[in-house]
Structures are given as structure tokens and as C-alpha cells.
Amino acid sequence: MAERRPRQDRNEFRRAEARIRESEARYRTLVESAPLPILVNSGEKIVYINPEAIRVLGGESADQFIGHDTFEIVHPDYRESAQQRVRRIYSKEADAVWREARFIRRDGREIEVEVAGQIIDYDGRPSAQIIFRDVTEQKEAARARRRFEEQVRNAQKLESLGLLAGGIAHDFNNLLMGMLGNADLAQLDLPSTHPAQTCLGDIKTAARRAADLCKQLLAYAGMGRFRSEAVNLSALVREMTELLRVTVARAQLELALAPDLPSVDADPSQMQQIIMNLLTNAADAVGGSGTITVATGVQSCDRAYLHSPYLNEDLPEGRYVYLEVSDNGCGMDGTTQHRLFDPFFTTKFVGRGLGLAAVLGIVRAHNGTIKVSSEPGRGSSFRVLLPASEHPVASQEGEGAIGESWRGSGTVLVVDDEAAVRDVATRLLSRLGFQVLAAQSGSEALALLEKASEEVRLVLLDLSMPRMNGEQAFSQLHAMAPDLPVILTSGYNETEMARRFTGQGLAGFLQKPYALQDLARKVRDVLG
């Protein structure tokens, strides 16, 4: 007959059982009400899941999870590492450090989580208690913050490089002014049959090409829109068709140009620059063969679509006209795309200048954006989006040549701190029949005007001068002689000048370097 347990022992045993049940109930209450998702894994099956875990995983009841494979909720990319992690927890080789993973909810949506695990005794057997937290929103916010920071860095880089580019362009245009003006004067002084005429013509051609490079520098600086008019991009591409076919060489060129395309307010020469740069880039990508497509169209864009990793401008929603150049060439990886718009960046053996950096600057100057899509081996697509305009495209009428045939009279005051520019401007104006007073600073110009205010009919004023700049000099000249017309000259562009001098009575603008015909036409227009 079995010996009966003493009454005292039986009472202590019951009290111990009660304490255990009380502890289990307290633990279950804590886990059930825990703000973190918790589940228990035993034998790779879910044996317990708390309400918060059910909610986060998109379930309605514990029955949808209990008895199921624990790793069904783990994304396939993380499943193997999760299984290894749990095995290491059981063998006590892993601690409870939080690790990143990805889970799949009941509705199929992926969530990013941080997971920690530890061994507990559950129903008398060792089990893995898995605690996790949904960090999808935090991760998305962090990625958005990084994208914004990258945009800010790109904007700062564009701004600093743009200032440098703009300064170089301004100074270089002053040098070109001397080259182009002197070549013009020399050609006028020599008989048309003189052997030097060819050399002088080559000098002028080289100077104009250098001036075009300055325009690219200004475009990269975001100040590249030299004049604005209503432009039909489809018509512009058609006009350039033969040039485009020569540019793509042996590649096949296809045009998909939308009829009845709305116009855009743009500089036609800058639009041509965009087309040529994008086409040259596409031709390099396809090599000796392949297909390049140039397409135009119009689309309604919301703010999300207009958002670009390269541009940080807050563009308004609305109708945008697009110009798209796509190819089926080699494509680009992420690293290449990241540096795509850096000045002089190229994947070729020899670079070709500012290239896509100039495109980016032109697009910025025209209040547009650019979308890039590319994958290695699957080609690239560049879509330039510009705001649609309500202005009709004006009919083009040729402007007659003007030069020595037009003659003026009276005195012109030339103000420029560059001696070479003053000298060339003086001789060009003299050739047109004017008397010239020259000043190397704003203060000297004011002193000359005070002495000869009755004689001076026009002022040719440089914008960038030391001490008293052109803007300050213009203000004082205008105060001294309100009716005296002033033409501003600068290596910068007319758009920037128009912004700075709006409503101040500026008579005109002449961009350096200018030739005799440019000067004659502008002076004639101002003096009537």
C-alpha cells in the first residue's frame, strides 16, 4: 500500500501549483496586452500568437496562425537565414539582438520588421519566443529622408558648379568679344579677294563655336535661356531630321512625333542643343547598330510624377509637353545613372564636353524636369518635360542683314572694365558712324556724362565691373539722365538680365560676344 503524502506536503504542493497557474495567467495577461507582436515557435510550428501579432500580420484570429509553419510569414529572401537564426537560438548560440527581416501579411503585403528571439519553457518544452516590430513606415521615412538629402546635395553641387561655370563663361565671353570684333573689323578693312579673308573667317567660326561652349556653361549654370518664344517641338525635330540622321550614323532613327502639339515657351537653339546631346548619347549607347526613337507628346502630370532625383524644383501640376529620346543600346547601371549629369562625366574613352550636364541646365532654366529610365542591356530613355504654353507659334520671317550699310550719328558712351572690349566696341561703333566716349568704371562714366550729357545719345554698359557694378551704375545714370537709353552688355544671358532689370527702364540687352551686325541691329532698334 502506497504511503500517503503528509497533509502539509500536499498543501504546499497545491500552493505551488496555484502559484504556477497564477504566474502563467499573469504572463499570459502581460503577453496578451503587450504592445509588441509576440509569437511562440515550437517544432517550427506556431503554438501561440498574441493579438498585436495577429493585427500586424493582417489576421482576424489566432486560429489562422496556430499550427502553421512559422516560416510561412517570412519573405522567401529571408526564410533560410530566419531558420538558421531560430536553430541557433535553440542551441543558445544566438542572443536576443534585434535583426532586420521582411514578413508577409495575410493580404500579401510585405512589411519590414525587426526581430528578436529567446528560449522559454512553454507547456513543459523548450520553445522560441519571437518578438518583432513593424518598422515599414520608419524605413520608408528614412529612405525618403535620404532621397531628400541626396537631392539637396545635388542641388548644392549644381549651384556651386553653376556659379563657377557662369563666372568662366562671363570672362571667356569678354575674351571672345575681342577676337570676334577684331576679326570683323579686319575683314571689313581688307578686300574681299584678300587671302587673309579665309583665315579671318576661320577665326570667327572658331570664336562662335567657343561662344556656343559658353552657352553650354551658362545652360549648366541654369541661366541658359537666351530668348523665349513659342516653339513646336515636333516641327523643330522635323526641321532637324537630316542632321539627326547624320548624327546617329548607321543606327536606325525612328520618329514618333505628335501632331497638333501644344507649344512650349523656349529658346529654339537650346531645344536643338537638348535634342543633339540626347541623340549623341543614344548613338554612343547603341554603337554601330540599333534603334533610336525620338518622340514628342503631351501629358498631364501630377507632383509625384514631376518629382525627379536630379531636380529639386517644386513644379506645378498641369499639362507638360515631352520630348523623349530612347534607344535599345547597352543601358546603364545605378552607379552610372547616379553620375549621369555630372559635368564631363563619360563612360567612353574620350569625353565630349558638358553633354548631359548642359541638358540638365537647359531643362532647369526652362522650368522643366527630366525623367531617366534605364537598365543594363535593355536600353535607356530620356524624357524631357516642359510646361505647355498657350502662345501660338509665330511665323518665321527672315531678318535682313545689317552692317556697314546702316549708319548712325551722335555720341555713344561705352562703359566696360575690360580694355580689349572697350577698344573693339569703340572701333565697331566708329565704323557705324558714331563718336565714342569710353569709360573703364561706373564712376568714370558718371563723370563723363556730367560733362557731355547733351551730346550722348546712348550708353553701352557692361554688367560686371569691380567696385560700382553695372546695376549700380545704371541706377545712377538713369537718375542723372532718365531719358537716355542704356543697352546692357554681358556674358550672361538676357533672361537673367530681364529678371534683374524688370521695370527699371532698360532700353535693351546685347550678349557678348557680339559681331558688327549684332551691334548695328541693336543700336538701330533702340535709337529708332
Protein backbone atom coordinates (compact mmCIF):
# COMPACT_ATOMS: atom_id res chain seq x y z
CA MET A 1 0.00 0.00 0.00
CA ALA A 2 1.43 3.35 -1.12
CA GLU A 3 2.47 5.66 1.55
CA ARG A 4 0.26 8.73 1.66
CA ARG A 5 1.87 12.14 1.36
CA PRO A 6 1.62 14.06 4.57
CA ARG A 7 -1.14 16.70 4.66
CA GLN A 8 1.43 19.50 4.99
CA ASP A 9 3.27 18.36 1.82
CA ARG A 10 0.02 18.12 -0.09
CA ASN A 11 -0.95 21.66 0.91
CA GLU A 12 2.44 23.04 -0.17
CA PHE A 13 2.18 21.20 -3.49
CA ARG A 14 -1.26 22.71 -4.12
CA ARG A 15 0.03 26.15 -3.20
CA ALA A 16 2.97 25.70 -5.63
CA GLU A 17 0.60 24.66 -8.38
CA ALA A 18 -1.55 27.69 -7.66
CA ARG A 19 1.48 29.97 -7.80
CA ILE A 20 2.48 28.44 -11.14
CA ARG A 21 -1.02 28.89 -12.54
CA GLU A 22 -1.07 32.42 -11.22
CA SER A 23 2.32 33.14 -12.82
CA GLU A 24 1.19 31.63 -16.12
CA ALA A 25 -2.00 33.69 -16.01
CA ARG A 26 -0.02 36.83 -15.21
CA TYR A 27 2.46 36.05 -18.05
CA ARG A 28 -0.40 35.39 -20.48
CA THR A 29 -2.09 38.64 -19.46
CA LEU A 30 1.12 40.57 -19.99
CA VAL A 31 1.76 38.92 -23.37
CA GLU A 32 -1.86 39.28 -24.49
CA SER A 33 -1.80 43.01 -23.73
CA ALA A 34 1.77 43.62 -24.90
CA PRO A 35 2.11 46.45 -27.47
CA LEU A 36 4.69 44.37 -29.39
CA PRO A 37 3.77 41.41 -31.63
CA ILE A 38 4.79 38.09 -29.98
CA LEU A 39 4.54 34.52 -31.19
CA VAL A 40 5.91 31.23 -29.87
CA ASN A 41 7.54 28.68 -32.15
CA SER A 42 7.81 25.02 -31.21
CA GLY A 43 8.96 22.38 -33.67
CA GLU A 44 8.82 25.05 -36.43
CA LYS A 45 5.10 25.47 -35.78
CA ILE A 46 3.32 28.47 -34.30
CA VAL A 47 1.87 27.37 -30.95
CA TYR A 48 0.93 30.81 -29.65
CA ILE A 49 0.37 34.28 -31.14
CA ASN A 50 -0.75 37.41 -29.30
CA PRO A 51 -3.43 39.87 -30.52
CA GLU A 52 -0.89 42.52 -31.61
CA ALA A 53 0.93 39.99 -33.80
CA ILE A 54 -2.41 38.93 -35.33
CA ARG A 55 -3.18 42.59 -36.11
CA VAL A 56 0.24 43.39 -37.60
CA LEU A 57 0.15 40.25 -39.77
CA GLY A 58 -3.31 41.13 -41.06
CA GLY A 59 -5.19 38.25 -39.45
CA GLU A 60 -8.54 38.08 -37.71
CA SER A 61 -8.00 35.28 -35.19
CA ALA A 62 -5.26 33.11 -33.69
CA ASP A 63 -6.70 30.05 -35.50
CA GLN A 64 -5.36 31.45 -38.79
CA PHE A 65 -1.80 31.02 -37.45
CA ILE A 66 -1.75 28.30 -34.73
CA GLY A 67 -0.32 25.06 -36.11
CA HIS A 68 1.02 26.67 -39.25
CA ASP A 69 4.68 26.66 -40.29
CA THR A 70 6.32 29.59 -38.54
CA PHE A 71 8.34 30.49 -41.62
CA GLU A 72 5.31 30.92 -43.88
CA ILE A 73 5.11 34.51 -42.66
CA VAL A 74 8.78 35.14 -43.55
CA HIS A 75 9.63 36.54 -47.01
CA PRO A 76 11.44 33.93 -49.17
CA ASP A 77 14.54 36.13 -49.35
CA TYR A 78 14.87 35.94 -45.55
CA ARG A 79 13.47 32.44 -44.90
CA GLU A 80 16.73 30.48 -44.85
CA SER A 81 18.52 32.95 -42.60
CA ALA A 82 15.47 33.01 -40.25
CA GLN A 83 15.51 29.21 -39.94
CA GLN A 84 19.23 29.28 -39.15
CA ARG A 85 18.62 32.02 -36.60
CA VAL A 86 15.93 30.02 -34.78
CA ARG A 87 18.13 26.92 -34.72
CA ARG A 88 20.93 28.99 -33.19
CA ILE A 89 18.50 30.33 -30.56
CA TYR A 90 17.56 26.75 -29.60
CA SER A 91 21.24 25.81 -29.35
CA LYS A 92 21.86 29.01 -27.35
CA GLU A 93 24.44 30.20 -29.92
CA ALA A 94 22.45 33.37 -30.68
CA ASP A 95 21.40 36.15 -28.34
CA ALA A 96 18.30 38.32 -28.38
CA VAL A 97 19.78 41.08 -30.56
CA TRP A 98 17.25 42.71 -32.92
CA ARG A 99 17.74 41.74 -36.58
CA GLU A 100 16.12 43.08 -39.75
CA ALA A 101 13.82 40.88 -41.84
CA ARG A 102 10.74 41.05 -44.04
CA PHE A 103 7.40 39.37 -43.29
CA ILE A 104 4.37 38.72 -45.49
CA ARG A 105 0.93 39.68 -44.20
CA ARG A 106 -2.22 37.68 -44.83
CA ASP A 107 -3.18 40.10 -47.63
CA GLY A 108 0.16 39.52 -49.36
CA ARG A 109 1.62 42.92 -48.49
CA GLU A 110 5.26 42.90 -47.43
CA ILE A 111 6.32 44.62 -44.22
CA GLU A 112 9.78 45.34 -42.90
CA VAL A 113 10.36 44.16 -39.35
CA GLU A 114 12.96 43.95 -36.66
CA VAL A 115 13.00 40.56 -34.87
CA ALA A 116 14.44 39.23 -31.61
CA GLY A 117 14.08 35.76 -30.10
CA GLN A 118 14.78 33.84 -26.93
CA ILE A 119 14.18 30.37 -25.43
CA ILE A 120 11.29 29.96 -22.97
CA ASP A 121 9.54 26.99 -21.37
CA TYR A 122 6.13 26.67 -22.99
CA ASP A 123 3.85 23.82 -21.84
CA GLY A 124 6.85 22.00 -20.44
CA ARG A 125 9.03 22.08 -23.55
CA PRO A 126 11.72 24.49 -24.78
CA SER A 127 10.23 26.91 -27.32
CA ALA A 128 11.38 30.04 -29.16
CA GLN A 129 9.57 33.20 -28.19
CA ILE A 130 9.78 35.55 -31.19
CA ILE A 131 9.16 39.26 -30.66
CA PHE A 132 9.02 41.57 -33.68
CA ARG A 133 8.02 45.12 -34.57
CA ASP A 134 6.79 46.63 -37.83
CA VAL A 135 9.29 49.28 -38.95
CA THR A 136 7.98 49.73 -42.51
CA GLU A 137 6.96 53.38 -42.00
CA GLN A 138 10.22 54.25 -40.26
CA LYS A 139 12.23 52.60 -43.04
CA GLU A 140 10.24 54.38 -45.75
CA ALA A 141 10.65 57.68 -43.91
CA ALA A 142 14.40 57.07 -43.62
CA ARG A 143 14.64 56.28 -47.34
CA ALA A 144 12.63 59.41 -48.18
CA ARG A 145 14.94 61.45 -45.93
CA ARG A 146 18.00 60.00 -47.68
CA ARG A 147 16.47 60.80 -51.08
CA PHE A 148 15.78 64.36 -49.96
CA GLU A 149 19.31 64.73 -48.60
CA GLU A 150 20.66 63.42 -51.89
CA GLN A 151 18.54 65.97 -53.75
CA VAL A 152 19.85 68.74 -51.52
CA ARG A 153 23.42 67.60 -52.16
CA ASN A 154 22.74 67.52 -55.91
CA ALA A 155 21.17 70.98 -55.76
CA GLN A 156 24.14 72.36 -53.82
CA LYS A 157 26.53 70.72 -56.27
CA LEU A 158 24.62 72.20 -59.21
CA GLU A 159 24.57 75.61 -57.56
CA SER A 160 28.30 75.71 -56.76
CA LEU A 161 29.34 74.32 -60.13
CA GLY A 162 26.84 76.62 -61.79
CA LEU A 163 28.41 79.68 -60.18
CA LEU A 164 31.82 78.52 -61.35
CA ALA A 165 30.55 77.79 -64.87
CA GLY A 166 28.76 81.13 -65.08
CA GLY A 167 31.88 83.02 -63.98
CA ILE A 168 34.07 81.21 -66.51
CA ALA A 169 31.54 81.85 -69.29
CA HIS A 170 31.40 85.56 -68.48
CA ASP A 171 35.17 86.05 -68.50
CA PHE A 172 35.62 83.86 -71.58
CA ASN A 173 32.97 85.84 -73.47
CA ASN A 174 34.95 89.02 -72.85
CA LEU A 175 37.98 87.39 -74.50
CA LEU A 176 35.88 86.19 -77.41
CA MET A 177 34.50 89.70 -77.81
CA GLY A 178 37.99 90.92 -78.65
CA MET A 179 38.64 88.03 -81.06
CA LEU A 180 35.33 88.27 -82.91
CA GLY A 181 35.24 92.06 -83.06
CA ASN A 182 38.81 92.41 -84.34
CA ALA A 183 38.24 89.70 -86.95
CA ASP A 184 35.11 91.56 -88.11
CA LEU A 185 37.00 94.82 -88.42
CA ALA A 186 39.93 93.20 -90.20
CA GLN A 187 37.61 91.62 -92.77
CA LEU A 188 35.99 94.98 -93.42
CA ASP A 189 39.39 96.65 -93.92
CA LEU A 190 40.64 94.04 -96.41
CA PRO A 191 39.46 93.50 -99.99
CA SER A 192 37.07 90.57 -100.35
CA THR A 193 39.66 88.77 -102.51
CA HIS A 194 42.48 89.09 -99.97
CA PRO A 195 43.97 85.69 -98.94
CA ALA A 196 43.60 86.61 -95.25
CA GLN A 197 39.80 86.70 -95.57
CA THR A 198 39.66 82.89 -95.31
CA CYS A 199 41.83 82.88 -92.20
CA LEU A 200 39.75 85.61 -90.60
CA GLY A 201 36.58 83.69 -91.43
CA ASP A 202 38.03 80.61 -89.72
CA ILE A 203 38.88 82.71 -86.66
CA LYS A 204 35.30 83.98 -86.49
CA THR A 205 33.92 80.44 -86.86
CA ALA A 206 36.16 79.21 -84.03
CA ALA A 207 35.12 82.15 -81.85
CA ARG A 208 31.44 81.42 -82.45
CA ARG A 209 31.97 77.76 -81.55
CA ALA A 210 33.70 78.86 -78.37
CA ALA A 211 30.74 81.16 -77.70
CA ASP A 212 28.44 78.13 -78.09
CA LEU A 213 30.50 76.34 -75.44
CA CYS A 214 29.98 79.35 -73.18
CA LYS A 215 26.25 78.99 -73.78
CA GLN A 216 26.52 75.39 -72.59
CA LEU A 217 28.32 76.58 -69.48
CA LEU A 218 25.57 79.12 -68.87
CA ALA A 219 22.97 76.42 -69.51
CA TYR A 220 24.59 74.22 -66.88
CA ALA A 221 24.55 77.20 -64.53
CA GLY A 222 20.77 77.29 -65.01
CA MET A 223 20.91 80.58 -66.93
CA GLY A 224 20.82 79.26 -70.46
CA ARG A 225 17.56 80.59 -71.89
CA PHE A 226 18.75 83.40 -74.10
CA ARG A 227 15.41 84.23 -75.68
CA SER A 228 11.95 82.83 -75.27
CA GLU A 229 9.37 82.19 -77.96
CA ALA A 230 6.60 79.70 -78.68
CA VAL A 231 8.23 76.56 -80.08
CA ASN A 232 6.61 73.45 -81.55
CA LEU A 233 8.93 70.59 -80.62
CA SER A 234 7.53 68.26 -83.30
CA ALA A 235 8.20 70.87 -86.00
CA LEU A 236 11.66 71.52 -84.58
CA VAL A 237 12.58 67.81 -84.76
CA ARG A 238 11.28 67.58 -88.34
CA GLU A 239 13.45 70.54 -89.36
CA MET A 240 16.48 68.76 -87.88
CA THR A 241 15.72 65.33 -89.43
CA GLU A 242 18.62 65.24 -91.88
CA LEU A 243 21.09 66.44 -89.26
CA LEU A 244 19.75 63.83 -86.83
CA ARG A 245 20.20 61.02 -89.35
CA VAL A 246 23.81 62.04 -89.87
CA THR A 247 24.35 62.12 -86.10
CA VAL A 248 23.10 58.58 -85.48
CA ALA A 249 25.34 57.25 -88.30
CA ARG A 250 24.44 53.60 -89.02
CA ALA A 251 21.77 53.31 -86.32
CA GLN A 252 18.12 53.33 -87.33
CA LEU A 253 16.30 56.56 -86.48
CA GLU A 254 12.57 56.41 -85.85
CA LEU A 255 10.35 59.46 -85.31
CA ALA A 256 7.11 59.33 -83.33
CA LEU A 257 6.08 62.98 -83.40
CA ALA A 258 2.68 64.02 -82.09
CA PRO A 259 0.56 66.17 -84.44
CA ASP A 260 -1.09 69.34 -83.14
CA LEU A 261 1.39 69.52 -80.28
CA PRO A 262 0.99 72.47 -77.88
CA SER A 263 3.87 74.91 -77.98
CA VAL A 264 6.42 75.49 -75.21
CA ASP A 265 7.98 78.83 -74.28
CA ALA A 266 11.61 78.14 -75.06
CA ASP A 267 14.77 79.13 -76.87
CA PRO A 268 14.84 77.13 -80.15
CA SER A 269 18.64 76.90 -80.17
CA GLN A 270 18.63 75.50 -76.63
CA MET A 271 15.97 72.94 -77.61
CA GLN A 272 18.18 71.92 -80.53
CA GLN A 273 21.06 71.55 -78.07
CA ILE A 274 18.96 69.18 -75.93
CA ILE A 275 17.97 67.08 -78.95
CA MET A 276 21.53 66.82 -80.28
CA ASN A 277 23.06 65.97 -76.89
CA LEU A 278 20.48 63.28 -76.14
CA LEU A 279 20.81 61.86 -79.65
CA THR A 280 24.61 61.79 -79.43
CA ASN A 281 24.34 59.99 -76.11
CA ALA A 282 21.92 57.44 -77.61
CA ALA A 283 24.17 56.91 -80.64
CA ASP A 284 27.08 56.11 -78.32
CA ALA A 285 24.88 53.64 -76.42
CA VAL A 286 23.79 51.64 -79.49
CA GLY A 287 27.22 51.69 -81.14
CA GLY A 288 27.23 50.85 -84.82
CA SER A 289 23.71 49.41 -84.91
CA GLY A 290 20.43 49.58 -83.05
CA THR A 291 17.35 51.75 -82.99
CA ILE A 292 16.94 55.28 -81.65
CA THR A 293 13.47 56.77 -81.30
CA VAL A 294 12.67 60.45 -80.95
CA ALA A 295 9.12 61.03 -79.71
CA THR A 296 7.03 64.03 -78.72
CA GLY A 297 3.68 64.27 -76.97
CA VAL A 298 1.67 65.94 -74.26
CA GLN A 299 0.59 64.58 -70.87
CA SER A 300 -1.00 65.69 -67.63
CA CYS A 301 1.48 65.45 -64.76
CA ASP A 302 0.91 65.48 -61.02
CA ARG A 303 3.53 66.50 -58.48
CA ALA A 304 4.56 62.92 -57.77
CA TYR A 305 5.35 62.28 -61.45
CA LEU A 306 7.22 65.57 -61.84
CA HIS A 307 9.44 64.69 -58.90
CA SER A 308 12.95 63.89 -60.13
CA PRO A 309 16.09 62.69 -58.32
CA TYR A 310 18.12 65.24 -60.29
CA LEU A 311 15.96 68.34 -59.83
CA ASN A 312 14.56 69.67 -56.59
CA GLU A 313 12.29 72.35 -58.03
CA ASP A 314 8.65 72.36 -56.87
CA LEU A 315 6.98 72.18 -60.29
CA PRO A 316 3.23 72.84 -60.61
CA GLU A 317 0.82 70.16 -61.75
CA GLY A 318 -0.65 70.54 -65.23
CA ARG A 319 -0.07 69.87 -68.91
CA TYR A 320 3.50 69.23 -69.99
CA VAL A 321 4.94 68.68 -73.44
CA TYR A 322 7.55 65.94 -73.59
CA LEU A 323 10.48 65.21 -75.85
CA GLU A 324 11.74 61.66 -75.44
CA VAL A 325 14.87 60.06 -76.88
CA SER A 326 15.09 56.31 -76.29
CA ASP A 327 17.42 53.58 -77.52
CA ASN A 328 17.82 49.82 -77.32
CA GLY A 329 21.53 50.04 -76.52
CA CYS A 330 23.69 48.90 -73.62
CA GLY A 331 21.71 50.66 -70.87
CA MET A 332 23.12 51.91 -67.58
CA ASP A 333 23.54 50.57 -64.06
CA GLY A 334 22.67 52.52 -60.94
CA THR A 335 26.20 53.86 -60.44
CA THR A 336 26.29 55.33 -63.95
CA GLN A 337 22.84 56.86 -63.57
CA HIS A 338 23.91 58.47 -60.29
CA ARG A 339 26.73 60.37 -62.07
CA LEU A 340 24.91 60.85 -65.36
CA PHE A 341 24.55 64.62 -65.15
CA ASP A 342 27.98 65.40 -63.71
CA PRO A 343 29.98 67.76 -65.95
CA PHE A 344 32.39 65.94 -68.28
CA PHE A 345 31.37 62.51 -66.91
CA THR A 346 31.53 59.84 -69.60
CA THR A 347 31.74 56.07 -69.88
CA LYS A 348 33.58 56.44 -73.20
CA PHE A 349 37.32 56.63 -73.70
CA VAL A 350 37.15 60.33 -74.54
CA GLY A 351 34.63 62.78 -73.11
CA ARG A 352 32.64 65.21 -75.25
CA GLY A 353 32.25 68.26 -73.08
CA LEU A 354 29.39 69.16 -70.79
CA GLY A 355 26.98 66.78 -72.55
CA LEU A 356 24.07 65.80 -70.31
CA ALA A 357 25.07 68.37 -67.69
CA ALA A 358 24.22 71.06 -70.26
CA VAL A 359 20.89 69.31 -70.94
CA LEU A 360 20.08 69.38 -67.23
CA GLY A 361 20.93 73.09 -67.02
CA ILE A 362 18.73 73.93 -70.04
CA VAL A 363 15.83 71.95 -68.59
CA ARG A 364 16.17 73.75 -65.25
CA ALA A 365 16.26 77.13 -67.00
CA HIS A 366 13.00 76.26 -68.81
CA ASN A 367 11.19 75.24 -65.59
CA GLY A 368 11.01 71.61 -66.64
CA THR A 369 12.22 68.24 -65.45
CA ILE A 370 13.84 65.16 -66.95
CA LYS A 371 12.94 61.51 -66.33
CA VAL A 372 15.53 58.79 -66.92
CA SER A 373 14.74 55.10 -67.28
CA SER A 374 17.47 52.54 -67.96
CA GLU A 375 18.59 49.00 -67.21
CA PRO A 376 21.82 47.29 -68.23
CA GLY A 377 21.30 45.50 -71.55
CA ARG A 378 17.80 46.93 -72.03
CA GLY A 379 18.47 50.44 -73.34
CA SER A 380 17.73 53.89 -71.98
CA SER A 381 15.02 56.51 -72.21
CA PHE A 382 15.35 60.24 -71.52
CA ARG A 383 12.08 62.17 -71.30
CA VAL A 384 12.29 65.97 -71.06
CA LEU A 385 9.09 67.59 -69.74
CA LEU A 386 8.40 71.30 -70.32
CA PRO A 387 5.28 73.29 -69.35
CA ALA A 388 2.78 73.57 -72.20
CA SER A 389 2.16 77.11 -73.44
CA GLU A 390 -0.97 78.77 -74.74
CA HIS A 391 1.05 81.02 -77.08
CA PRO A 392 0.79 80.27 -80.82
CA VAL A 393 3.95 79.58 -82.78
CA ALA A 394 4.88 82.72 -84.70
CA SER A 395 5.58 82.58 -88.42
CA GLN A 396 9.29 82.88 -89.17
CA GLU A 397 10.34 85.77 -91.36
CA GLY A 398 13.95 86.25 -92.28
CA GLU A 399 15.65 89.35 -90.98
CA GLY A 400 17.76 91.20 -93.47
CA ALA A 401 21.47 91.58 -92.88
CA ILE A 402 22.61 94.86 -91.42
CA GLY A 403 26.15 96.07 -91.06
CA GLU A 404 28.17 98.88 -92.60
CA SER A 405 25.21 99.75 -94.84
CA TRP A 406 23.46 101.31 -91.84
CA ARG A 407 24.97 104.48 -90.42
CA GLY A 408 24.24 106.30 -87.18
CA SER A 409 25.29 109.64 -85.74
CA GLY A 410 25.96 111.25 -82.39
CA THR A 411 27.92 110.08 -79.35
CA VAL A 412 27.79 106.71 -77.60
CA LEU A 413 29.23 106.23 -74.10
CA VAL A 414 30.91 102.80 -73.77
CA VAL A 415 31.42 101.57 -70.17
CA ASP A 416 33.48 98.39 -69.64
CA ASP A 417 36.33 97.48 -67.31
CA GLU A 418 37.98 95.25 -69.96
CA ALA A 419 40.31 97.32 -72.15
CA ALA A 420 40.04 94.89 -75.09
CA VAL A 421 36.24 95.07 -75.05
CA ARG A 422 36.25 98.87 -74.82
CA ASP A 423 38.67 99.08 -77.75
CA VAL A 424 36.68 96.74 -80.00
CA ALA A 425 33.32 98.34 -79.12
CA THR A 426 34.78 101.79 -79.81
CA ARG A 427 36.04 100.77 -83.26
CA LEU A 428 32.82 98.95 -84.17
CA LEU A 429 30.71 101.98 -83.21
CA SER A 430 33.07 104.30 -85.07
CA ARG A 431 32.63 102.10 -88.15
CA LEU A 432 28.86 102.64 -87.79
CA GLY A 433 29.34 106.45 -87.77
CA PHE A 434 29.24 107.24 -84.05
CA GLN A 435 31.54 109.32 -81.89
CA VAL A 436 32.59 107.34 -78.83
CA LEU A 437 33.37 108.18 -75.22
CA ALA A 438 34.93 105.26 -73.29
CA ALA A 439 34.94 104.72 -69.52
CA GLN A 440 36.52 101.87 -67.57
CA SER A 441 34.25 102.16 -64.50
CA GLY A 442 30.83 103.33 -63.43
CA SER A 443 32.19 106.36 -61.58
CA GLU A 444 34.20 107.45 -64.64
CA ALA A 445 31.08 107.07 -66.81
CA LEU A 446 29.09 109.31 -64.47
CA ALA A 447 31.81 111.97 -64.62
CA LEU A 448 31.90 111.86 -68.47
CA LEU A 449 28.12 112.01 -68.71
CA GLU A 450 28.01 115.04 -66.39
CA LYS A 451 30.33 116.90 -68.78
CA ALA A 452 28.74 115.79 -72.04
CA SER A 453 25.13 114.97 -71.20
CA GLU A 454 23.80 116.92 -74.20
CA GLU A 455 25.99 115.02 -76.69
CA VAL A 456 25.48 111.43 -75.53
CA ARG A 457 22.63 109.62 -77.32
CA LEU A 458 23.19 106.13 -75.97
CA VAL A 459 25.10 104.22 -73.28
CA LEU A 460 26.62 100.75 -73.83
CA LEU A 461 27.05 99.49 -70.26
CA ASP A 462 28.80 96.32 -69.02
CA LEU A 463 27.09 94.46 -66.18
CA SER A 464 30.08 93.01 -64.30
CA MET A 465 32.55 95.62 -63.14
CA PRO A 466 34.51 95.99 -59.88
CA ARG A 467 33.52 98.49 -57.19
CA MET A 468 30.44 100.00 -58.90
CA ASN A 469 28.80 97.20 -60.91
CA GLY A 470 26.55 97.68 -63.92
CA GLU A 471 23.35 97.54 -61.91
CA GLN A 472 24.51 100.31 -59.59
CA ALA A 473 25.90 102.36 -62.47
CA PHE A 474 22.63 102.01 -64.40
CA SER A 475 20.65 103.25 -61.42
CA GLN A 476 22.78 106.38 -61.10
CA LEU A 477 22.95 107.01 -64.87
CA HIS A 478 19.16 106.68 -65.07
CA ALA A 479 18.75 109.13 -62.18
CA MET A 480 21.07 111.63 -63.88
CA ALA A 481 19.51 111.31 -67.35
CA PRO A 482 16.13 109.49 -67.20
CA ASP A 483 15.51 109.66 -70.97
CA LEU A 484 18.97 108.43 -72.01
CA PRO A 485 18.69 104.88 -73.44
CA VAL A 486 21.03 102.30 -71.93
CA ILE A 487 21.94 98.97 -73.58
CA LEU A 488 23.32 96.46 -71.11
CA THR A 489 26.07 94.10 -72.29
CA SER A 490 27.11 90.92 -70.52
CA GLY A 491 28.43 87.42 -70.94
CA TYR A 492 25.33 86.31 -69.01
CA ASN A 493 22.03 85.83 -70.77
CA GLU A 494 19.03 88.02 -71.45
CA THR A 495 16.62 86.01 -69.29
CA GLU A 496 18.67 86.67 -66.16
CA MET A 497 19.05 90.35 -67.07
CA ALA A 498 15.34 90.74 -67.74
CA ARG A 499 14.61 89.34 -64.27
CA ARG A 500 17.02 91.74 -62.58
CA PHE A 501 16.07 94.89 -64.55
CA THR A 502 12.31 94.46 -65.00
CA GLY A 503 10.51 97.82 -64.76
CA GLN A 504 13.71 99.85 -64.47
CA GLY A 505 13.67 101.35 -67.98
CA LEU A 506 16.47 99.35 -69.60
CA ALA A 507 16.46 100.02 -73.37
CA GLY A 508 17.98 96.73 -74.50
CA PHE A 509 20.41 93.90 -73.92
CA LEU A 510 23.34 92.70 -76.01
CA GLN A 511 25.08 89.48 -75.13
CA LYS A 512 28.82 89.14 -75.54
CA PRO A 513 30.50 88.27 -77.78
CA TYR A 514 28.65 90.32 -80.40
CA ALA A 515 29.61 90.97 -84.01
CA LEU A 516 29.21 94.18 -86.01
CA GLN A 517 25.79 93.16 -87.35
CA ASP A 518 24.52 92.31 -83.85
CA LEU A 519 25.65 95.69 -82.53
CA ALA A 520 24.26 97.60 -85.51
CA ARG A 521 20.86 95.91 -85.29
CA LYS A 522 20.52 96.52 -81.53
CA VAL A 523 21.60 100.20 -81.73
CA ARG A 524 19.30 100.83 -84.70
CA ASP A 525 16.35 99.28 -82.85
CA VAL A 526 16.98 101.35 -79.71
CA LEU A 527 17.59 104.67 -81.47
CA GLY A 528 14.78 104.07 -83.97
